[in-house]
Each structure stands twice: as C-alpha cells, then as structure tokens.
C-alpha cells in the first residue's frame, strides 16, 4: 500500500465520521489531516486508532442518540436556543464520552498544518517527507 492509498483510506473514514465528531464538539481543525506526508507505519497506526474509535461504544452511543431525531430538528433546537430536553441531555453525555476518547492518544496526523509541514514535499520514490 502506498502512502497516497493509506491517506485516501484514512480521509474517507474521517469524512464518514466528520458530522458525528462535530456534534461531539471535536474542534473542526482536529478533524483534518495534516498535509505533510507520513511514513506508512504512521499511517497504519493512525488508521487503526481511527477505526477503533469508529467501532467504539462511545461512537456508537452518540450515533444512536443523534439518530433519534432528524438532523434538522437538532439544528432547530440549537438555533432557537432550546435546552434541557431529554434527548439533548443524552446527546451531551454521549458527546462528552466521545470527546474524551478522541483526545486520548490522538495521532499527530490529525490537526492543523504546522509551519514545518509547508517545507516538505512528497518524493515519489520515498515514504517520508524531505525538505526542499
């Protein structure tokens, strides 16, 4: 598996999870992948971590609560400032659990680009970043 294939696989899983992660109050910049190239073993560990999160009880719990109502209703609650409903309390509790799991040993592959990332370019025959 090439670095680009691994990156594409991680990005597809991350995009599948993005809406639920935003509901769980994960900062938007953490749901992105840094643009620097990574070694294959780093990509593998990051994918394993993300896949374990996807299969976790915390993720499943928030998905079950979020699916109780259509997304438009959740948006309407937020827009109108409605608080304290039973389903909102359940969603908040599930969101806290998922956010706690997200913060635990999150790979550095997820997050904002760093200034040093901009100095690197992907070399076609290499699995790592090199400076220009």
N, C-alpha and C. Protein backbone atom coordinates (compact mmCIF):
# COMPACT_ATOMS: atom_id res chain seq x y z
N UNK A 1 0.84 -1.17 0.00
CA UNK A 1 0.00 0.00 0.00
C UNK A 1 0.89 1.24 0.00
N UNK A 2 0.60 2.16 -0.88
CA UNK A 2 1.37 3.39 -0.97
C UNK A 2 0.84 4.40 0.03
N UNK A 3 1.65 5.44 0.25
CA UNK A 3 1.27 6.49 1.19
C UNK A 3 -0.03 7.16 0.75
N UNK A 4 -0.20 7.42 -0.53
CA UNK A 4 -1.41 8.08 -1.02
C UNK A 4 -2.64 7.20 -0.81
N UNK A 5 -2.49 5.88 -0.99
CA UNK A 5 -3.61 4.97 -0.75
C UNK A 5 -4.02 4.97 0.71
N UNK A 6 -3.02 4.93 1.59
CA UNK A 6 -3.29 4.95 3.03
C UNK A 6 -3.95 6.27 3.42
N UNK A 7 -3.45 7.35 2.87
CA UNK A 7 -4.01 8.67 3.16
C UNK A 7 -5.46 8.76 2.69
N UNK A 8 -5.74 8.24 1.51
CA UNK A 8 -7.09 8.27 0.98
C UNK A 8 -8.04 7.45 1.84
N UNK A 9 -7.58 6.30 2.32
CA UNK A 9 -8.40 5.45 3.17
C UNK A 9 -8.71 6.15 4.49
N UNK A 10 -7.72 6.77 5.09
CA UNK A 10 -7.94 7.49 6.34
C UNK A 10 -8.87 8.67 6.12
N UNK A 11 -8.67 9.40 5.05
CA UNK A 11 -9.52 10.56 4.77
C UNK A 11 -10.98 10.15 4.53
N UNK A 12 -11.19 9.02 3.87
CA UNK A 12 -12.57 8.58 3.63
C UNK A 12 -13.26 8.19 4.94
N UNK A 13 -12.55 7.51 5.83
CA UNK A 13 -13.13 7.16 7.13
C UNK A 13 -13.37 8.42 7.95
N UNK A 14 -12.45 9.34 7.91
CA UNK A 14 -12.58 10.59 8.65
C UNK A 14 -13.77 11.41 8.14
N UNK A 15 -13.95 11.44 6.84
CA UNK A 15 -15.09 12.20 6.29
C UNK A 15 -16.42 11.52 6.65
N UNK A 16 -16.41 10.21 6.75
CA UNK A 16 -17.61 9.47 7.16
C UNK A 16 -17.99 9.80 8.60
N UNK A 17 -16.98 10.05 9.43
CA UNK A 17 -17.19 10.32 10.85
C UNK A 17 -17.35 11.81 11.16
N UNK A 18 -17.03 12.68 10.22
CA UNK A 18 -16.93 14.12 10.47
C UNK A 18 -18.17 14.72 11.14
N UNK A 19 -19.36 14.44 10.64
CA UNK A 19 -20.57 15.06 11.20
C UNK A 19 -20.77 14.69 12.66
N UNK A 20 -20.57 13.44 12.98
CA UNK A 20 -20.76 13.00 14.37
C UNK A 20 -19.68 13.59 15.26
N UNK A 21 -18.45 13.68 14.77
CA UNK A 21 -17.38 14.28 15.56
C UNK A 21 -17.65 15.75 15.84
N UNK A 22 -18.22 16.46 14.87
CA UNK A 22 -18.59 17.86 15.10
C UNK A 22 -19.71 17.97 16.12
N UNK A 23 -20.65 17.04 16.09
CA UNK A 23 -21.73 17.02 17.09
C UNK A 23 -21.12 16.80 18.48
N UNK A 24 -20.05 16.03 18.54
CA UNK A 24 -19.39 15.75 19.82
C UNK A 24 -18.46 16.88 20.27
N UNK A 25 -18.50 17.99 19.56
CA UNK A 25 -17.70 19.18 19.88
C UNK A 25 -16.20 18.99 19.70
N UNK A 26 -15.82 18.09 18.81
CA UNK A 26 -14.41 17.97 18.44
C UNK A 26 -14.10 19.20 17.59
N UNK A 27 -13.03 19.95 17.92
CA UNK A 27 -12.70 21.12 17.12
C UNK A 27 -12.50 20.77 15.64
N UNK A 28 -13.04 21.59 14.77
CA UNK A 28 -13.00 21.32 13.34
C UNK A 28 -11.61 21.14 12.78
N UNK A 29 -10.64 21.88 13.33
CA UNK A 29 -9.28 21.75 12.81
C UNK A 29 -8.64 20.41 13.16
N UNK A 30 -9.16 19.73 14.17
CA UNK A 30 -8.62 18.42 14.54
C UNK A 30 -9.18 17.31 13.67
N UNK A 31 -10.22 17.58 12.91
CA UNK A 31 -10.84 16.56 12.07
C UNK A 31 -10.21 16.57 10.68
N UNK A 32 -9.19 17.34 10.50
CA UNK A 32 -8.46 17.40 9.23
C UNK A 32 -7.15 16.65 9.35
N UNK A 33 -6.62 16.24 8.21
CA UNK A 33 -5.31 15.60 8.20
C UNK A 33 -4.27 16.64 7.79
N UNK A 34 -3.14 16.58 8.44
CA UNK A 34 -2.06 17.48 8.06
C UNK A 34 -1.60 17.14 6.65
N UNK A 35 -1.08 18.13 5.95
CA UNK A 35 -0.74 17.93 4.54
C UNK A 35 0.63 17.29 4.34
N UNK A 36 1.40 17.15 5.38
CA UNK A 36 2.71 16.51 5.27
C UNK A 36 2.55 15.02 4.99
N UNK A 37 3.50 14.47 4.28
CA UNK A 37 3.50 13.01 4.05
C UNK A 37 4.01 12.31 5.30
N UNK A 38 3.48 11.14 5.54
CA UNK A 38 3.87 10.37 6.72
C UNK A 38 4.35 8.99 6.29
N UNK A 39 5.14 8.38 7.14
CA UNK A 39 5.58 7.02 6.88
C UNK A 39 4.38 6.08 6.91
N UNK A 40 4.51 4.98 6.22
CA UNK A 40 3.41 4.02 6.13
C UNK A 40 3.01 3.49 7.51
N UNK A 41 3.99 3.20 8.37
CA UNK A 41 3.63 2.68 9.69
C UNK A 41 2.88 3.73 10.52
N UNK A 42 3.18 5.01 10.32
CA UNK A 42 2.45 6.07 11.00
C UNK A 42 1.01 6.11 10.49
N UNK A 43 0.85 5.98 9.18
CA UNK A 43 -0.50 5.95 8.60
C UNK A 43 -1.27 4.75 9.10
N UNK A 44 -0.62 3.63 9.21
CA UNK A 44 -1.28 2.41 9.68
C UNK A 44 -1.76 2.56 11.11
N UNK A 45 -0.88 3.10 11.96
CA UNK A 45 -1.28 3.31 13.36
C UNK A 45 -2.43 4.31 13.46
N UNK A 46 -2.38 5.37 12.65
CA UNK A 46 -3.44 6.38 12.67
C UNK A 46 -4.76 5.77 12.20
N UNK A 47 -4.71 4.95 11.15
CA UNK A 47 -5.93 4.31 10.67
C UNK A 47 -6.49 3.36 11.72
N UNK A 48 -5.62 2.58 12.34
CA UNK A 48 -6.08 1.65 13.38
C UNK A 48 -6.76 2.40 14.52
N UNK A 49 -6.15 3.52 14.95
CA UNK A 49 -6.71 4.31 16.03
C UNK A 49 -8.09 4.85 15.63
N UNK A 50 -8.18 5.40 14.41
CA UNK A 50 -9.44 5.97 13.94
C UNK A 50 -10.50 4.89 13.76
N UNK A 51 -10.10 3.74 13.25
CA UNK A 51 -11.05 2.63 13.06
C UNK A 51 -11.54 2.11 14.41
N UNK A 52 -10.64 2.01 15.38
CA UNK A 52 -11.05 1.59 16.73
C UNK A 52 -12.06 2.59 17.32
N UNK A 53 -11.82 3.88 17.07
CA UNK A 53 -12.76 4.90 17.53
C UNK A 53 -14.11 4.73 16.85
N UNK A 54 -14.08 4.45 15.56
CA UNK A 54 -15.31 4.27 14.79
C UNK A 54 -16.13 3.08 15.30
N UNK A 55 -15.45 2.05 15.76
CA UNK A 55 -16.12 0.85 16.27
C UNK A 55 -16.38 0.89 17.78
N UNK A 56 -15.99 1.98 18.43
CA UNK A 56 -16.08 2.06 19.88
C UNK A 56 -17.52 2.25 20.36
N UNK A 57 -17.73 1.94 21.62
CA UNK A 57 -19.03 2.13 22.24
C UNK A 57 -19.38 3.61 22.34
N UNK A 58 -18.37 4.45 22.50
CA UNK A 58 -18.60 5.89 22.60
C UNK A 58 -19.17 6.43 21.29
N UNK A 59 -18.59 6.03 20.18
CA UNK A 59 -19.07 6.49 18.88
C UNK A 59 -20.46 5.92 18.60
N UNK A 60 -20.64 4.66 18.88
CA UNK A 60 -21.94 4.02 18.66
C UNK A 60 -23.02 4.69 19.51
N UNK A 61 -22.66 5.04 20.74
CA UNK A 61 -23.62 5.68 21.64
C UNK A 61 -24.12 7.02 21.12
N UNK A 62 -23.20 7.84 20.63
CA UNK A 62 -23.62 9.16 20.14
C UNK A 62 -24.40 9.02 18.84
N UNK A 63 -24.05 8.05 18.01
CA UNK A 63 -24.79 7.84 16.77
C UNK A 63 -26.23 7.43 17.08
N UNK A 64 -26.40 6.53 18.04
CA UNK A 64 -27.76 6.09 18.41
C UNK A 64 -28.61 7.25 18.91
N UNK A 65 -28.03 8.10 19.74
CA UNK A 65 -28.78 9.24 20.27
C UNK A 65 -29.05 10.25 19.16
N UNK A 66 -28.07 10.51 18.32
CA UNK A 66 -28.25 11.50 17.26
C UNK A 66 -29.32 11.06 16.26
N UNK A 67 -29.44 9.79 16.04
CA UNK A 67 -30.43 9.28 15.09
C UNK A 67 -31.86 9.24 15.66
N UNK A 68 -32.02 9.59 16.92
CA UNK A 68 -33.37 9.66 17.49
C UNK A 68 -34.22 10.70 16.76
N UNK A 69 -33.56 11.77 16.30
CA UNK A 69 -34.26 12.85 15.61
C UNK A 69 -33.55 13.16 14.30
N UNK A 70 -34.27 13.74 13.34
CA UNK A 70 -33.61 14.17 12.10
C UNK A 70 -32.62 15.31 12.39
N UNK A 71 -31.57 15.43 11.58
CA UNK A 71 -30.58 16.49 11.80
C UNK A 71 -31.19 17.90 11.82
N UNK A 72 -32.27 18.11 11.08
CA UNK A 72 -32.90 19.43 11.05
C UNK A 72 -33.46 19.82 12.42
N UNK A 73 -33.95 18.85 13.14
CA UNK A 73 -34.51 19.13 14.48
C UNK A 73 -33.39 19.54 15.43
N UNK A 74 -32.26 18.83 15.37
CA UNK A 74 -31.12 19.21 16.22
C UNK A 74 -30.67 20.63 15.91
N UNK A 75 -30.63 20.96 14.62
CA UNK A 75 -30.25 22.30 14.20
C UNK A 75 -31.27 23.32 14.70
N UNK A 76 -32.53 22.98 14.60
CA UNK A 76 -33.59 23.88 15.06
C UNK A 76 -33.49 24.13 16.56
N UNK A 77 -33.23 23.08 17.33
CA UNK A 77 -33.05 23.25 18.78
C UNK A 77 -31.93 24.26 19.06
N UNK A 78 -30.83 24.08 18.35
CA UNK A 78 -29.67 24.95 18.57
C UNK A 78 -29.97 26.39 18.16
N UNK A 79 -30.64 26.55 17.02
CA UNK A 79 -30.97 27.88 16.51
C UNK A 79 -31.93 28.63 17.43
N UNK A 80 -32.91 27.93 17.93
CA UNK A 80 -33.91 28.55 18.78
C UNK A 80 -33.48 28.65 20.25
N UNK A 81 -32.33 28.06 20.57
CA UNK A 81 -31.82 28.13 21.94
C UNK A 81 -32.57 27.25 22.91
N UNK A 82 -33.13 26.18 22.42
CA UNK A 82 -33.87 25.26 23.28
C UNK A 82 -32.87 24.35 23.98
N UNK A 83 -32.96 24.29 25.31
CA UNK A 83 -32.04 23.48 26.11
C UNK A 83 -32.81 22.64 27.12
N UNK A 84 -32.16 21.59 27.58
CA UNK A 84 -32.69 20.82 28.68
C UNK A 84 -33.66 19.71 28.33
N UNK A 85 -33.88 19.47 27.05
CA UNK A 85 -34.75 18.35 26.68
C UNK A 85 -34.01 17.04 26.92
N UNK A 86 -34.77 15.98 27.12
CA UNK A 86 -34.19 14.68 27.46
C UNK A 86 -33.20 14.21 26.40
N UNK A 87 -33.58 14.36 25.12
CA UNK A 87 -32.68 13.91 24.05
C UNK A 87 -31.42 14.76 23.98
N UNK A 88 -31.52 16.03 24.34
CA UNK A 88 -30.34 16.89 24.36
C UNK A 88 -29.38 16.49 25.48
N UNK A 89 -29.94 16.14 26.61
CA UNK A 89 -29.11 15.71 27.74
C UNK A 89 -28.39 14.41 27.39
N UNK A 90 -29.11 13.48 26.76
CA UNK A 90 -28.49 12.22 26.32
C UNK A 90 -27.36 12.49 25.32
N UNK A 91 -27.61 13.41 24.38
CA UNK A 91 -26.60 13.73 23.37
C UNK A 91 -25.38 14.39 24.00
N UNK A 92 -25.59 15.26 24.96
CA UNK A 92 -24.46 15.92 25.64
C UNK A 92 -23.59 14.90 26.38
N UNK A 93 -24.23 13.96 27.07
CA UNK A 93 -23.47 12.94 27.79
C UNK A 93 -22.68 12.06 26.83
N UNK A 94 -23.32 11.65 25.74
CA UNK A 94 -22.63 10.83 24.74
C UNK A 94 -21.50 11.61 24.08
N UNK A 95 -21.72 12.90 23.84
CA UNK A 95 -20.71 13.74 23.21
C UNK A 95 -19.48 13.87 24.11
N UNK A 96 -19.70 14.03 25.40
CA UNK A 96 -18.56 14.14 26.34
C UNK A 96 -17.72 12.86 26.33
N UNK A 97 -18.38 11.73 26.29
CA UNK A 97 -17.65 10.45 26.27
C UNK A 97 -16.82 10.31 25.00
N UNK A 98 -17.42 10.66 23.86
CA UNK A 98 -16.69 10.55 22.59
C UNK A 98 -15.55 11.55 22.54
N UNK A 99 -15.77 12.76 23.02
CA UNK A 99 -14.71 13.77 23.02
C UNK A 99 -13.54 13.33 23.89
N UNK A 100 -13.84 12.72 25.02
CA UNK A 100 -12.78 12.20 25.90
C UNK A 100 -11.99 11.12 25.19
N UNK A 101 -12.67 10.24 24.49
CA UNK A 101 -11.99 9.16 23.74
C UNK A 101 -11.16 9.76 22.59
N UNK A 102 -11.69 10.79 21.92
CA UNK A 102 -10.98 11.44 20.81
C UNK A 102 -9.65 12.03 21.29
N UNK A 103 -9.65 12.60 22.47
CA UNK A 103 -8.45 13.27 22.99
C UNK A 103 -7.39 12.28 23.48
N UNK A 104 -7.79 11.05 23.69
CA UNK A 104 -6.88 10.06 24.25
C UNK A 104 -5.99 9.47 23.14
N UNK A 105 -4.73 9.78 23.18
CA UNK A 105 -3.70 9.24 22.27
C UNK A 105 -4.02 9.49 20.81
N UNK A 106 -4.60 10.66 20.50
CA UNK A 106 -4.90 11.01 19.11
C UNK A 106 -3.58 11.18 18.35
N UNK A 107 -3.45 10.53 17.19
CA UNK A 107 -2.21 10.66 16.41
C UNK A 107 -1.99 12.10 15.96
N UNK A 108 -0.72 12.48 15.83
CA UNK A 108 -0.41 13.85 15.43
C UNK A 108 -0.72 14.09 13.95
N UNK A 109 -1.17 13.08 13.27
CA UNK A 109 -1.56 13.21 11.86
C UNK A 109 -2.81 14.06 11.72
N UNK A 110 -3.63 14.11 12.76
CA UNK A 110 -4.86 14.88 12.73
C UNK A 110 -4.64 16.22 13.40
N UNK A 111 -5.02 17.27 12.74
CA UNK A 111 -4.90 18.60 13.32
C UNK A 111 -4.48 19.62 12.29
N UNK A 112 -4.14 20.79 12.79
CA UNK A 112 -3.72 21.88 11.92
C UNK A 112 -2.39 21.58 11.27
N UNK A 113 -2.19 22.16 10.10
CA UNK A 113 -0.87 22.11 9.49
C UNK A 113 0.08 22.95 10.31
N UNK A 114 1.27 22.49 10.40
CA UNK A 114 2.31 23.24 11.11
C UNK A 114 3.16 23.97 10.08
N UNK A 115 3.87 24.97 10.53
CA UNK A 115 4.73 25.71 9.61
C UNK A 115 5.74 24.79 8.95
N UNK A 116 6.22 23.82 9.68
CA UNK A 116 7.22 22.90 9.14
C UNK A 116 6.63 22.00 8.05
N UNK A 117 5.32 21.78 8.07
CA UNK A 117 4.68 20.94 7.05
C UNK A 117 4.80 21.57 5.67
N UNK A 118 4.83 22.87 5.63
CA UNK A 118 4.86 23.57 4.35
C UNK A 118 6.22 23.47 3.68
N UNK A 119 7.25 23.09 4.42
CA UNK A 119 8.60 22.97 3.87
C UNK A 119 8.85 21.61 3.26
N UNK A 120 7.91 20.72 3.42
CA UNK A 120 8.11 19.35 2.95
C UNK A 120 7.36 19.11 1.65
N UNK A 121 7.91 18.21 0.86
CA UNK A 121 7.27 17.82 -0.38
C UNK A 121 7.33 16.30 -0.47
N UNK A 122 6.33 15.70 -1.07
CA UNK A 122 6.30 14.24 -1.19
C UNK A 122 7.21 13.84 -2.35
N UNK A 123 8.14 12.98 -2.06
CA UNK A 123 9.02 12.45 -3.08
C UNK A 123 8.38 11.17 -3.62
N UNK A 124 8.33 10.98 -4.93
CA UNK A 124 7.63 9.83 -5.49
C UNK A 124 8.19 8.48 -5.06
N UNK A 125 9.48 8.37 -4.83
CA UNK A 125 10.06 7.08 -4.51
C UNK A 125 10.28 6.90 -3.01
N UNK A 126 9.72 7.78 -2.17
CA UNK A 126 10.01 7.71 -0.75
C UNK A 126 8.70 7.63 0.05
N UNK A 127 8.81 7.08 1.26
CA UNK A 127 7.67 7.01 2.15
C UNK A 127 7.79 8.03 3.28
N UNK A 128 8.55 9.06 3.09
CA UNK A 128 8.76 10.03 4.14
C UNK A 128 8.91 11.42 3.52
N UNK A 129 8.90 12.42 4.38
CA UNK A 129 8.99 13.82 3.93
C UNK A 129 10.46 14.22 3.83
N UNK A 130 10.74 15.05 2.86
CA UNK A 130 12.08 15.62 2.73
C UNK A 130 11.96 17.12 2.58
N UNK A 131 12.97 17.81 3.09
CA UNK A 131 12.97 19.25 2.93
C UNK A 131 13.38 19.60 1.51
N UNK A 132 12.87 20.75 1.07
CA UNK A 132 13.22 21.23 -0.27
C UNK A 132 14.65 21.72 -0.31
